[in-house]
Amino acid sequence: GTAANQAAWSTLGDGGTALDAVERG
């Protein structure tokens, strides 16, 4: 989950949606 979280954070940190973040992660 650490690597997955990093990918999700690249969406969240830019103001993206939680839905896009979890899919990307």
PDB file of all heavy atoms in Angstrom:
ATOM      1  N   GLY A   1       0.795  -1.212   0.000  1.00  0.00           N
ATOM      2  CA  GLY A   1       0.000   0.000   0.000  1.00  0.00           C
ATOM      3  C   GLY A   1       0.833   1.269   0.000  1.00  0.00           C
ATOM      4  O   GLY A   1       0.328   2.338  -0.375  1.00  0.00           O
ATOM      5  N   THR A   2       2.103   1.179   0.380  1.00  0.00           N
ATOM      6  CA  THR A   2       2.959   2.370   0.407  1.00  0.00           C
ATOM      7  C   THR A   2       3.126   2.956  -0.985  1.00  0.00           C
ATOM      8  O   THR A   2       2.948   4.166  -1.198  1.00  0.00           O
ATOM      9  CB  THR A   2       4.328   2.029   1.017  1.00  0.00           C
ATOM     10  OG1 THR A   2       4.153   1.515   2.345  1.00  0.00           O
ATOM     11  CG2 THR A   2       5.212   3.262   1.075  1.00  0.00           C
ATOM     12  N   ALA A   3       3.466   2.105  -1.957  1.00  0.00           N
ATOM     13  CA  ALA A   3       3.605   2.582  -3.337  1.00  0.00           C
ATOM     14  C   ALA A   3       2.263   3.008  -3.907  1.00  0.00           C
ATOM     15  O   ALA A   3       2.168   3.991  -4.650  1.00  0.00           O
ATOM     16  CB  ALA A   3       4.230   1.480  -4.201  1.00  0.00           C
ATOM     17  N   ALA A   4       1.224   2.276  -3.559  1.00  0.00           N
ATOM     18  CA  ALA A   4      -0.117   2.630  -4.023  1.00  0.00           C
ATOM     19  C   ALA A   4      -0.536   3.994  -3.468  1.00  0.00           C
ATOM     20  O   ALA A   4      -1.117   4.827  -4.180  1.00  0.00           O
ATOM     21  CB  ALA A   4      -1.113   1.553  -3.609  1.00  0.00           C
ATOM     22  N   ASN A   5      -0.239   4.233  -2.198  1.00  0.00           N
ATOM     23  CA  ASN A   5      -0.566   5.521  -1.589  1.00  0.00           C
ATOM     24  C   ASN A   5       0.152   6.673  -2.282  1.00  0.00           C
ATOM     25  O   ASN A   5      -0.402   7.766  -2.439  1.00  0.00           O
ATOM     26  CB  ASN A   5      -0.180   5.523  -0.110  1.00  0.00           C
ATOM     27  CG  ASN A   5      -1.173   4.798   0.768  1.00  0.00           C
ATOM     28  OD1 ASN A   5      -2.141   4.235   0.291  1.00  0.00           O
ATOM     29  ND2 ASN A   5      -0.915   4.795   2.061  1.00  0.00           N
ATOM     30  N   GLN A   6       1.400   6.430  -2.670  1.00  0.00           N
ATOM     31  CA  GLN A   6       2.161   7.485  -3.333  1.00  0.00           C
ATOM     32  C   GLN A   6       1.493   7.903  -4.633  1.00  0.00           C
ATOM     33  O   GLN A   6       1.394   9.097  -4.954  1.00  0.00           O
ATOM     34  CB  GLN A   6       3.599   7.009  -3.612  1.00  0.00           C
ATOM     35  CG  GLN A   6       4.511   8.068  -4.186  1.00  0.00           C
ATOM     36  CD  GLN A   6       4.703   9.249  -3.242  1.00  0.00           C
ATOM     37  OE1 GLN A   6       4.748   9.090  -2.020  1.00  0.00           O
ATOM     38  NE2 GLN A   6       4.806  10.454  -3.807  1.00  0.00           N
ATOM     39  N   ALA A   7       1.000   6.910  -5.380  1.00  0.00           N
ATOM     40  CA  ALA A   7       0.293   7.227  -6.619  1.00  0.00           C
ATOM     41  C   ALA A   7      -1.009   7.959  -6.340  1.00  0.00           C
ATOM     42  O   ALA A   7      -1.367   8.924  -7.030  1.00  0.00           O
ATOM     43  CB  ALA A   7       0.022   5.943  -7.407  1.00  0.00           C
ATOM     44  N   ALA A   8      -1.735   7.506  -5.315  1.00  0.00           N
ATOM     45  CA  ALA A   8      -2.983   8.186  -4.948  1.00  0.00           C
ATOM     46  C   ALA A   8      -2.707   9.618  -4.508  1.00  0.00           C
ATOM     47  O   ALA A   8      -3.477  10.535  -4.833  1.00  0.00           O
ATOM     48  CB  ALA A   8      -3.691   7.409  -3.840  1.00  0.00           C
ATOM     49  N   TRP A   9      -1.621   9.817  -3.777  1.00  0.00           N
ATOM     50  CA  TRP A   9      -1.305  11.146  -3.273  1.00  0.00           C
ATOM     51  C   TRP A   9      -0.978  12.119  -4.407  1.00  0.00           C
ATOM     52  O   TRP A   9      -1.244  13.327  -4.291  1.00  0.00           O
ATOM     53  CB  TRP A   9      -0.130  11.075  -2.296  1.00  0.00           C
ATOM     54  CG  TRP A   9       0.136  12.393  -1.650  1.00  0.00           C
ATOM     55  CD1 TRP A   9       1.141  13.280  -1.929  1.00  0.00           C
ATOM     56  CD2 TRP A   9      -0.651  13.011  -0.627  1.00  0.00           C
ATOM     57  NE1 TRP A   9       1.029  14.392  -1.144  1.00  0.00           N
ATOM     58  CE2 TRP A   9      -0.070  14.250  -0.323  1.00  0.00           C
ATOM     59  CE3 TRP A   9      -1.794  12.606   0.072  1.00  0.00           C
ATOM     60  CZ2 TRP A   9      -0.581  15.108   0.634  1.00  0.00           C
ATOM     61  CZ3 TRP A   9      -2.313  13.462   1.032  1.00  0.00           C
ATOM     62  CH2 TRP A   9      -1.706  14.696   1.302  1.00  0.00           C
ATOM     63  N   SER A  10      -0.436  11.621  -5.496  1.00  0.00           N
ATOM     64  CA  SER A  10      -0.143  12.505  -6.627  1.00  0.00           C
ATOM     65  C   SER A  10      -1.420  13.113  -7.186  1.00  0.00           C
ATOM     66  O   SER A  10      -1.387  14.195  -7.785  1.00  0.00           O
ATOM     67  CB  SER A  10       0.619  11.748  -7.721  1.00  0.00           C
ATOM     68  OG  SER A  10      -0.189  10.733  -8.290  1.00  0.00           O
ATOM     69  N   THR A  11      -2.548  12.426  -6.990  1.00  0.00           N
ATOM     70  CA  THR A  11      -3.854  12.984  -7.371  1.00  0.00           C
ATOM     71  C   THR A  11      -4.408  13.871  -6.270  1.00  0.00           C
ATOM     72  O   THR A  11      -4.825  15.006  -6.506  1.00  0.00           O
ATOM     73  CB  THR A  11      -4.852  11.856  -7.675  1.00  0.00           C
ATOM     74  OG1 THR A  11      -4.408  11.140  -8.838  1.00  0.00           O
ATOM     75  CG2 THR A  11      -6.241  12.395  -7.921  1.00  0.00           C
ATOM     76  N   LEU A  12      -4.404  13.386  -5.039  1.00  0.00           N
ATOM     77  CA  LEU A  12      -4.958  14.146  -3.923  1.00  0.00           C
ATOM     78  C   LEU A  12      -4.201  15.446  -3.678  1.00  0.00           C
ATOM     79  O   LEU A  12      -4.804  16.483  -3.397  1.00  0.00           O
ATOM     80  CB  LEU A  12      -4.930  13.301  -2.649  1.00  0.00           C
ATOM     81  CG  LEU A  12      -5.835  12.079  -2.604  1.00  0.00           C
ATOM     82  CD1 LEU A  12      -5.540  11.259  -1.348  1.00  0.00           C
ATOM     83  CD2 LEU A  12      -7.310  12.479  -2.642  1.00  0.00           C
ATOM     84  N   GLY A  13      -2.878  15.382  -3.768  1.00  0.00           N
ATOM     85  CA  GLY A  13      -2.063  16.558  -3.493  1.00  0.00           C
ATOM     86  C   GLY A  13      -2.266  17.682  -4.483  1.00  0.00           C
ATOM     87  O   GLY A  13      -1.994  18.852  -4.184  1.00  0.00           O
ATOM     88  N   ASP A  14      -2.753  17.340  -5.674  1.00  0.00           N
ATOM     89  CA  ASP A  14      -3.053  18.351  -6.693  1.00  0.00           C
ATOM     90  C   ASP A  14      -4.508  18.801  -6.649  1.00  0.00           C
ATOM     91  O   ASP A  14      -4.981  19.464  -7.576  1.00  0.00           O
ATOM     92  CB  ASP A  14      -2.738  17.797  -8.084  1.00  0.00           C
ATOM     93  CG  ASP A  14      -1.241  17.640  -8.332  1.00  0.00           C
ATOM     94  OD1 ASP A  14      -0.458  18.338  -7.649  1.00  0.00           O
ATOM     95  OD2 ASP A  14      -0.852  16.825  -9.186  1.00  0.00           O
ATOM     96  N   GLY A  15      -5.223  18.402  -5.593  1.00  0.00           N
ATOM     97  CA  GLY A  15      -6.617  18.796  -5.472  1.00  0.00           C
ATOM     98  C   GLY A  15      -7.579  17.902  -6.206  1.00  0.00           C
ATOM     99  O   GLY A  15      -8.752  18.254  -6.391  1.00  0.00           O
ATOM    100  N   GLY A  16      -7.118  16.737  -6.625  1.00  0.00           N
ATOM    101  CA  GLY A  16      -7.969  15.798  -7.343  1.00  0.00           C
ATOM    102  C   GLY A  16      -8.960  15.101  -6.440  1.00  0.00           C
ATOM    103  O   GLY A  16      -8.929  15.239  -5.217  1.00  0.00           O
ATOM    104  N   THR A  17      -9.832  14.317  -7.052  1.00  0.00           N
ATOM    105  CA  THR A  17     -10.902  13.677  -6.294  1.00  0.00           C
ATOM    106  C   THR A  17     -10.437  12.394  -5.628  1.00  0.00           C
ATOM    107  O   THR A  17      -9.525  11.709  -6.107  1.00  0.00           O
ATOM    108  CB  THR A  17     -12.095  13.343  -7.201  1.00  0.00           C
ATOM    109  OG1 THR A  17     -11.712  12.301  -8.127  1.00  0.00           O
ATOM    110  CG2 THR A  17     -12.558  14.564  -7.969  1.00  0.00           C
ATOM    111  N   ALA A  18     -11.106  12.058  -4.538  1.00  0.00           N
ATOM    112  CA  ALA A  18     -10.814  10.810  -3.831  1.00  0.00           C
ATOM    113  C   ALA A  18     -11.066   9.613  -4.740  1.00  0.00           C
ATOM    114  O   ALA A  18     -10.325   8.620  -4.684  1.00  0.00           O
ATOM    115  CB  ALA A  18     -11.674  10.719  -2.569  1.00  0.00           C
ATOM    116  N   LEU A  19     -12.099   9.681  -5.581  1.00  0.00           N
ATOM    117  CA  LEU A  19     -12.407   8.563  -6.466  1.00  0.00           C
ATOM    118  C   LEU A  19     -11.289   8.330  -7.465  1.00  0.00           C
ATOM    119  O   LEU A  19     -10.852   7.179  -7.679  1.00  0.00           O
ATOM    120  CB  LEU A  19     -13.728   8.828  -7.200  1.00  0.00           C
ATOM    121  CG  LEU A  19     -14.279   7.657  -8.010  1.00  0.00           C
ATOM    122  CD1 LEU A  19     -14.662   6.504  -7.100  1.00  0.00           C
ATOM    123  CD2 LEU A  19     -15.483   8.106  -8.842  1.00  0.00           C
ATOM    124  N   ASP A  20     -10.786   9.389  -8.089  1.00  0.00           N
ATOM    125  CA  ASP A  20      -9.659   9.231  -9.005  1.00  0.00           C
ATOM    126  C   ASP A  20      -8.429   8.712  -8.265  1.00  0.00           C
ATOM    127  O   ASP A  20      -7.657   7.897  -8.791  1.00  0.00           O
ATOM    128  CB  ASP A  20      -9.321  10.568  -9.661  1.00  0.00           C
ATOM    129  CG  ASP A  20     -10.336  10.998 -10.712  1.00  0.00           C
ATOM    130  OD1 ASP A  20     -11.101  10.134 -11.189  1.00  0.00           O
ATOM    131  OD2 ASP A  20     -10.356  12.193 -11.049  1.00  0.00           O
ATOM    132  N   ALA A  21      -8.245   9.180  -7.042  1.00  0.00           N
ATOM    133  CA  ALA A  21      -7.055   8.802  -6.273  1.00  0.00           C
ATOM    134  C   ALA A  21      -7.036   7.316  -5.952  1.00  0.00           C
ATOM    135  O   ALA A  21      -6.010   6.647  -6.112  1.00  0.00           O
ATOM    136  CB  ALA A  21      -6.986   9.624  -4.987  1.00  0.00           C
ATOM    137  N   VAL A  22      -8.162   6.761  -5.486  1.00  0.00           N
ATOM    138  CA  VAL A  22      -8.143   5.348  -5.103  1.00  0.00           C
ATOM    139  C   VAL A  22      -8.000   4.445  -6.326  1.00  0.00           C
ATOM    140  O   VAL A  22      -7.334   3.405  -6.263  1.00  0.00           O
ATOM    141  CB  VAL A  22      -9.381   4.957  -4.272  1.00  0.00           C
ATOM    142  CG1 VAL A  22      -9.378   5.697  -2.935  1.00  0.00           C
ATOM    143  CG2 VAL A  22     -10.687   5.175  -5.018  1.00  0.00           C
ATOM    144  N   GLU A  23      -8.614   4.825  -7.439  1.00  0.00           N
ATOM    145  CA  GLU A  23      -8.426   4.024  -8.648  1.00  0.00           C
ATOM    146  C   GLU A  23      -6.960   4.043  -9.079  1.00  0.00           C
ATOM    147  O   GLU A  23      -6.363   2.995  -9.348  1.00  0.00           O
ATOM    148  CB  GLU A  23      -9.305   4.540  -9.788  1.00  0.00           C
ATOM    149  CG  GLU A  23      -9.128   3.716 -11.070  1.00  0.00           C
ATOM    150  CD  GLU A  23      -9.805   4.311 -12.280  1.00  0.00           C
ATOM    151  OE1 GLU A  23     -10.291   5.465 -12.213  1.00  0.00           O
ATOM    152  OE2 GLU A  23      -9.842   3.627 -13.324  1.00  0.00           O
ATOM    153  N   ARG A  24      -6.394   5.228  -9.135  1.00  0.00           N
ATOM    154  CA  ARG A  24      -4.991   5.349  -9.542  1.00  0.00           C
ATOM    155  C   ARG A  24      -4.071   4.616  -8.584  1.00  0.00           C
ATOM    156  O   ARG A  24      -3.104   3.968  -9.001  1.00  0.00           O
ATOM    157  CB  ARG A  24      -4.612   6.828  -9.612  1.00  0.00           C
ATOM    158  CG  ARG A  24      -3.217   7.097 -10.119  1.00  0.00           C
ATOM    159  CD  ARG A  24      -2.977   8.587 -10.273  1.00  0.00           C
ATOM    160  NE  ARG A  24      -1.673   8.864 -10.866  1.00  0.00           N
ATOM    161  CZ  ARG A  24      -1.229  10.099 -11.143  1.00  0.00           C
ATOM    162  NH1 ARG A  24      -1.996  11.151 -10.880  1.00  0.00           N
ATOM    163  NH2 ARG A  24      -0.031  10.268 -11.671  1.00  0.00           N
ATOM    164  N   GLY A  25      -4.373   4.686  -7.300  1.00  0.00           N
ATOM    165  CA  GLY A  25      -3.510   4.058  -6.309  1.00  0.00           C
ATOM    166  C   GLY A  25      -3.466   2.549  -6.416  1.00  0.00           C
ATOM    167  O   GLY A  25      -2.394   1.947  -6.503  1.00  0.00           O
TER     168      GLY A  25
END
